[in-house]
N, C-alpha and C. Protein backbone atom coordinates (compact mmCIF):
# COMPACT_ATOMS: atom_id res chain seq x y z
N UNK A 1 31.55 -5.71 42.15
CA UNK A 1 31.83 -4.56 40.79
C UNK A 1 30.57 -3.94 41.54
N UNK A 2 31.26 -3.07 41.45
CA UNK A 2 29.93 -1.58 41.79
C UNK A 2 29.30 -1.07 40.13
N UNK A 3 27.75 -0.36 40.70
CA UNK A 3 26.68 0.19 39.63
C UNK A 3 28.19 1.74 39.59
N UNK A 4 27.72 1.62 38.00
CA UNK A 4 27.93 2.86 37.89
C UNK A 4 27.35 4.08 38.25
N UNK A 5 27.65 4.85 39.00
CA UNK A 5 26.75 5.82 39.69
C UNK A 5 26.31 7.43 38.66
N UNK A 6 27.04 7.41 37.94
CA UNK A 6 26.51 8.72 37.00
C UNK A 6 25.63 8.28 35.51
N UNK A 7 24.56 6.83 35.94
CA UNK A 7 24.05 6.38 35.08
C UNK A 7 23.04 7.12 35.34
N UNK A 8 21.92 7.84 33.98
CA UNK A 8 20.39 8.01 34.90
C UNK A 8 19.87 8.07 33.24
N UNK A 9 18.72 8.00 33.10
CA UNK A 9 17.72 7.12 31.73
C UNK A 9 16.26 8.09 31.94
N UNK A 10 15.86 8.25 31.02
CA UNK A 10 14.24 8.62 31.18
C UNK A 10 13.13 7.70 30.64
N UNK A 11 12.29 7.50 31.56
CA UNK A 11 11.04 6.36 31.58
C UNK A 11 9.85 6.70 31.51
N UNK A 12 9.04 6.88 30.59
CA UNK A 12 7.54 7.53 30.73
C UNK A 12 7.35 9.17 31.39
N UNK A 13 8.18 9.13 30.73
CA UNK A 13 8.43 11.28 31.60
C UNK A 13 9.17 10.80 32.89
N UNK A 14 10.03 10.39 33.35
CA UNK A 14 10.60 10.59 34.80
C UNK A 14 11.76 10.25 34.48
N UNK A 15 12.60 10.39 35.48
CA UNK A 15 14.44 10.29 35.31
C UNK A 15 14.52 9.64 36.38
N UNK A 16 15.27 9.02 36.10
CA UNK A 16 15.77 8.08 37.32
C UNK A 16 17.37 7.64 37.52
N UNK A 17 18.04 7.76 38.54
CA UNK A 17 19.28 7.08 38.83
C UNK A 17 19.77 5.73 39.04
N UNK A 18 20.90 5.77 39.18
CA UNK A 18 21.11 4.09 39.58
C UNK A 18 20.01 3.31 40.58
N UNK A 19 20.13 4.16 41.60
CA UNK A 19 19.36 3.59 43.09
C UNK A 19 17.82 3.52 42.42
N UNK A 20 17.26 4.79 41.30
CA UNK A 20 16.22 4.40 40.93
C UNK A 20 15.61 3.38 40.21
N UNK A 21 16.36 3.36 39.08
CA UNK A 21 16.93 2.14 38.29
C UNK A 21 16.68 0.92 38.94
N UNK A 22 17.89 0.95 39.73
CA UNK A 22 17.12 -0.48 41.20
C UNK A 22 16.14 -0.82 41.39
N UNK A 23 15.14 0.35 42.07
CA UNK A 23 14.25 0.32 43.12
C UNK A 23 12.76 0.01 41.90
N UNK A 24 13.34 0.48 40.84
CA UNK A 24 12.18 -0.03 39.70
C UNK A 24 12.24 -1.11 39.42
N UNK A 25 13.40 -1.28 39.34
CA UNK A 25 13.69 -2.77 38.81
C UNK A 25 12.86 -4.01 39.44
N UNK A 26 13.38 -3.55 40.80
CA UNK A 26 12.63 -4.56 41.73
C UNK A 26 11.42 -4.35 41.88
N UNK A 27 10.73 -3.33 41.78
CA UNK A 27 9.36 -3.70 41.88
C UNK A 27 8.39 -3.81 40.83
N UNK A 28 8.78 -3.77 39.72
CA UNK A 28 8.48 -4.42 38.29
C UNK A 28 8.52 -5.73 38.43
N UNK A 29 9.75 -6.39 38.85
CA UNK A 29 10.07 -7.72 39.12
C UNK A 29 9.20 -8.80 39.99
N UNK A 30 8.67 -7.67 41.19
CA UNK A 30 7.48 -8.66 41.67
C UNK A 30 6.37 -8.26 41.38
N UNK A 31 5.87 -7.31 40.49
CA UNK A 31 4.68 -7.36 39.97
C UNK A 31 4.66 -8.54 39.36
N UNK A 32 5.53 -8.77 38.81
CA UNK A 32 5.30 -9.94 37.61
C UNK A 32 4.59 -11.36 37.93
N UNK A 33 4.67 -11.25 39.29
CA UNK A 33 3.68 -12.71 40.36
C UNK A 33 2.45 -12.47 39.38
N UNK A 34 1.94 -11.51 39.35
CA UNK A 34 0.75 -10.78 38.77
C UNK A 34 0.62 -11.13 37.37
N UNK A 35 1.28 -10.97 36.47
CA UNK A 35 1.71 -10.92 34.76
C UNK A 35 2.34 -12.01 34.80
N UNK A 36 2.43 -12.92 35.35
CA UNK A 36 3.29 -14.39 35.09
C UNK A 36 2.59 -15.17 34.18
N UNK A 37 1.10 -14.87 33.47
CA UNK A 37 0.76 -15.53 32.73
C UNK A 37 0.50 -15.05 31.08
N UNK A 38 0.98 -13.37 31.34
CA UNK A 38 0.95 -12.87 29.99
C UNK A 38 2.67 -13.31 29.41
N UNK A 39 2.06 -12.78 27.83
CA UNK A 39 3.24 -13.30 27.20
C UNK A 39 4.69 -12.05 27.57
N UNK A 40 5.67 -12.43 27.14
CA UNK A 40 6.73 -11.35 27.02
C UNK A 40 6.45 -9.94 27.25
N UNK A 41 6.76 -8.85 27.05
CA UNK A 41 6.67 -7.41 27.35
C UNK A 41 5.79 -7.17 28.16
N UNK A 42 6.22 -7.47 29.21
CA UNK A 42 5.80 -6.84 30.66
C UNK A 42 6.69 -5.41 30.79
N UNK A 43 5.82 -4.86 31.65
CA UNK A 43 6.59 -3.63 32.35
C UNK A 43 7.97 -3.78 32.91
N UNK A 44 8.30 -4.58 32.95
CA UNK A 44 9.93 -5.16 33.47
C UNK A 44 10.89 -4.94 31.98
N UNK A 45 10.38 -5.68 30.96
CA UNK A 45 10.99 -6.19 29.76
C UNK A 45 10.69 -4.74 29.17
N UNK A 46 9.77 -3.77 29.47
CA UNK A 46 9.85 -2.45 28.42
C UNK A 46 11.35 -1.57 29.41
N UNK A 47 11.04 -1.98 30.50
CA UNK A 47 11.97 -1.04 31.47
C UNK A 47 13.63 -1.36 31.09
N UNK A 48 13.29 -2.40 31.14
CA UNK A 48 15.03 -2.80 30.88
C UNK A 48 15.41 -2.61 29.50
N UNK A 49 14.56 -2.78 28.47
CA UNK A 49 14.84 -2.40 27.46
C UNK A 49 14.75 -0.60 27.22
N UNK A 50 14.35 -0.22 27.70
CA UNK A 50 14.66 1.43 27.55
C UNK A 50 15.68 1.86 28.36
N UNK A 51 16.00 1.38 29.29
CA UNK A 51 17.26 1.48 29.84
C UNK A 51 18.67 1.38 29.23
N UNK A 52 18.71 -0.37 28.39
CA UNK A 52 19.70 -1.03 27.56
C UNK A 52 19.52 0.79 26.27
N UNK A 53 18.80 1.03 26.24
CA UNK A 53 18.85 1.68 24.96
C UNK A 53 19.17 3.28 25.31
N UNK A 54 19.58 3.90 26.40
CA UNK A 54 19.86 5.00 27.14
C UNK A 54 21.32 4.84 28.29
N UNK A 55 21.55 3.96 28.23
CA UNK A 55 23.15 3.60 29.05
C UNK A 55 23.94 2.96 27.88
N UNK A 56 25.10 3.91 28.26
CA UNK A 56 26.23 3.76 27.62
C UNK A 56 26.40 2.22 27.46
N UNK A 57 27.76 1.65 26.48
CA UNK A 57 27.80 0.50 26.32
C UNK A 57 28.69 0.11 27.23
N UNK A 58 29.76 1.12 27.87
CA UNK A 58 30.43 0.40 28.88
C UNK A 58 29.86 0.15 30.30
N UNK A 59 28.68 0.77 30.76
CA UNK A 59 27.62 0.84 31.54
C UNK A 59 26.97 -0.62 32.04
N UNK A 60 26.68 -1.27 30.54
CA UNK A 60 25.26 -2.10 30.21
C UNK A 60 25.66 -3.00 31.39
N UNK A 61 26.75 -3.64 31.70
CA UNK A 61 27.31 -4.83 32.70
C UNK A 61 26.11 -4.41 34.20
N UNK A 62 25.53 -3.66 33.95
CA UNK A 62 24.91 -3.21 35.19
C UNK A 62 23.43 -3.44 34.97
N UNK A 63 23.05 -4.03 34.06
CA UNK A 63 21.81 -4.93 34.05
C UNK A 63 21.73 -6.57 34.11
N UNK A 64 23.21 -6.82 34.22
CA UNK A 64 23.09 -8.29 34.68
C UNK A 64 23.63 -8.50 36.27
N UNK A 65 23.97 -7.02 36.88
CA UNK A 65 24.25 -6.94 38.13
C UNK A 65 22.31 -6.36 38.78
N UNK A 66 22.06 -6.13 37.94
CA UNK A 66 20.38 -5.47 38.65
C UNK A 66 20.00 -7.60 38.89
N UNK A 67 19.81 -7.74 37.43
CA UNK A 67 19.53 -9.14 38.13
C UNK A 67 19.99 -10.08 38.93
N UNK A 68 21.19 -10.53 39.32
CA UNK A 68 21.82 -10.96 40.37
C UNK A 68 21.70 -10.40 41.57
N UNK A 69 21.58 -8.99 41.71
CA UNK A 69 20.80 -8.32 42.97
C UNK A 69 19.36 -9.10 43.02
N UNK A 70 18.71 -8.85 41.96
CA UNK A 70 17.28 -9.05 42.58
C UNK A 70 17.05 -10.64 42.62
N UNK A 71 17.80 -11.43 42.06
CA UNK A 71 17.62 -13.09 42.15
C UNK A 71 18.19 -13.28 43.82
N UNK A 72 19.36 -12.29 44.53
CA UNK A 72 19.48 -12.84 45.76
C UNK A 72 18.33 -12.10 46.80
N UNK A 73 17.70 -10.75 46.64
CA UNK A 73 16.83 -10.40 47.33
C UNK A 73 15.58 -11.71 46.95
N UNK A 74 15.23 -11.98 45.67
CA UNK A 74 14.05 -13.00 46.04
C UNK A 74 14.41 -14.18 46.84
N UNK A 75 15.23 -14.33 46.68
CA UNK A 75 15.94 -15.95 47.19
C UNK A 75 15.92 -15.51 48.77
N UNK A 76 15.86 -14.40 49.34
CA UNK A 76 15.90 -14.06 50.50
C UNK A 76 14.92 -13.90 51.14
N UNK A 77 13.87 -13.54 50.44
CA UNK A 77 12.82 -13.40 51.07
C UNK A 77 12.03 -14.17 51.62
N UNK A 78 10.63 -13.88 52.01
CA UNK A 78 10.05 -14.87 52.80
C UNK A 78 8.80 -15.54 52.10
N UNK A 79 8.84 -15.47 51.06
CA UNK A 79 8.06 -15.63 49.99
C UNK A 79 8.32 -17.37 50.40
N UNK A 80 7.42 -18.33 49.54
CA UNK A 80 7.41 -20.18 49.74
C UNK A 80 8.40 -20.25 48.43
N UNK A 81 8.98 -21.47 48.48
CA UNK A 81 9.77 -21.91 47.68
C UNK A 81 9.11 -21.77 45.65
N UNK A 82 8.02 -22.56 45.89
CA UNK A 82 7.51 -22.51 44.42
C UNK A 82 7.67 -21.01 44.08
N UNK A 83 6.77 -20.29 44.84
CA UNK A 83 6.50 -18.40 44.40
C UNK A 83 8.14 -18.10 44.11
N UNK A 84 9.22 -18.33 44.76
CA UNK A 84 10.48 -17.43 44.53
C UNK A 84 11.06 -17.97 43.25
N UNK A 85 10.98 -19.94 42.99
CA UNK A 85 11.34 -20.20 41.51
C UNK A 85 10.71 -19.47 40.48
N UNK A 86 9.36 -19.64 40.46
CA UNK A 86 8.36 -18.77 39.69
C UNK A 86 9.01 -17.79 39.26
N UNK A 87 9.29 -16.47 40.21
CA UNK A 87 9.41 -15.59 40.27
C UNK A 87 10.96 -14.91 39.35
N UNK A 88 11.36 -16.02 40.37
CA UNK A 88 13.51 -15.90 39.51
C UNK A 88 12.97 -16.38 37.95
N UNK A 89 12.41 -17.39 37.79
CA UNK A 89 12.21 -17.83 36.35
C UNK A 89 11.69 -16.75 35.36
N UNK A 90 10.53 -16.23 36.15
CA UNK A 90 9.72 -15.18 35.19
C UNK A 90 10.83 -14.20 35.06
N UNK A 91 11.08 -12.85 35.96
CA UNK A 91 12.35 -12.23 35.94
C UNK A 91 13.41 -12.33 35.03
N UNK A 92 14.15 -13.59 35.02
CA UNK A 92 15.20 -13.84 34.05
C UNK A 92 14.88 -13.74 32.37
N UNK A 93 13.56 -14.44 32.40
CA UNK A 93 12.93 -14.05 31.09
C UNK A 93 12.89 -13.02 30.49
N UNK A 94 12.53 -12.01 31.58
CA UNK A 94 12.17 -10.80 30.90
C UNK A 94 13.54 -9.89 30.31
N UNK A 95 14.45 -10.49 31.16
CA UNK A 95 15.72 -9.49 31.16
C UNK A 95 16.40 -10.13 30.26
N UNK A 96 16.33 -11.69 29.96
CA UNK A 96 17.21 -12.07 28.90
C UNK A 96 16.42 -11.93 27.34
N UNK A 97 14.89 -11.66 27.37
CA UNK A 97 14.56 -11.52 25.73
C UNK A 97 14.74 -9.61 25.53
N UNK A 98 14.95 -9.21 26.53
CA UNK A 98 14.74 -7.73 26.27
C UNK A 98 16.07 -7.56 26.07
N UNK A 99 17.40 -7.89 26.27
CA UNK A 99 19.16 -7.86 26.39
C UNK A 99 18.78 -8.38 24.61
N UNK A 100 18.46 -9.34 24.94
CA UNK A 100 18.57 -10.14 23.27
C UNK A 100 17.80 -9.51 22.35
N UNK A 101 16.62 -8.76 22.10
CA UNK A 101 16.23 -8.06 21.73
C UNK A 101 16.68 -6.90 21.28
N UNK A 102 17.42 -6.25 22.08
CA UNK A 102 18.18 -5.10 22.17
C UNK A 102 19.31 -5.22 21.46
N UNK A 103 19.92 -6.24 21.60
CA UNK A 103 21.25 -6.99 20.56
C UNK A 103 20.89 -7.29 19.23
N UNK A 104 19.77 -7.68 19.26
CA UNK A 104 19.34 -8.18 17.60
C UNK A 104 19.51 -6.85 16.75
N UNK A 105 18.22 -5.92 17.70
CA UNK A 105 17.92 -4.73 17.09
C UNK A 105 19.43 -3.55 16.52
N UNK A 106 20.59 -3.88 17.79
CA UNK A 106 21.56 -3.07 17.33
C UNK A 106 22.45 -3.95 16.15
N UNK A 107 22.34 -4.92 15.98
CA UNK A 107 23.12 -5.86 14.64
C UNK A 107 23.00 -5.21 13.28
């Protein structure tokens, strides 16, 4: 499945296309290692939440696709196993919180 190329969003006064959304997601996920002790609503949460609000319903599958790509990238990285596990769990928590909060507010 391919990412929709027509997707673009605005976040903190900057525009992002599909590839830039992907890169920002990866950068923010790696930042989570430093933020791991904080409660939800890290910048990754805020970014994904902002994406969900701006991306058409038919293209929202890309958020799940982004997480799968991110998990693969972390798994294939040179990080030690414990760090990989924490990073994937933390990133997944932020993704799932953003998605469930978005779905709760749209009901």
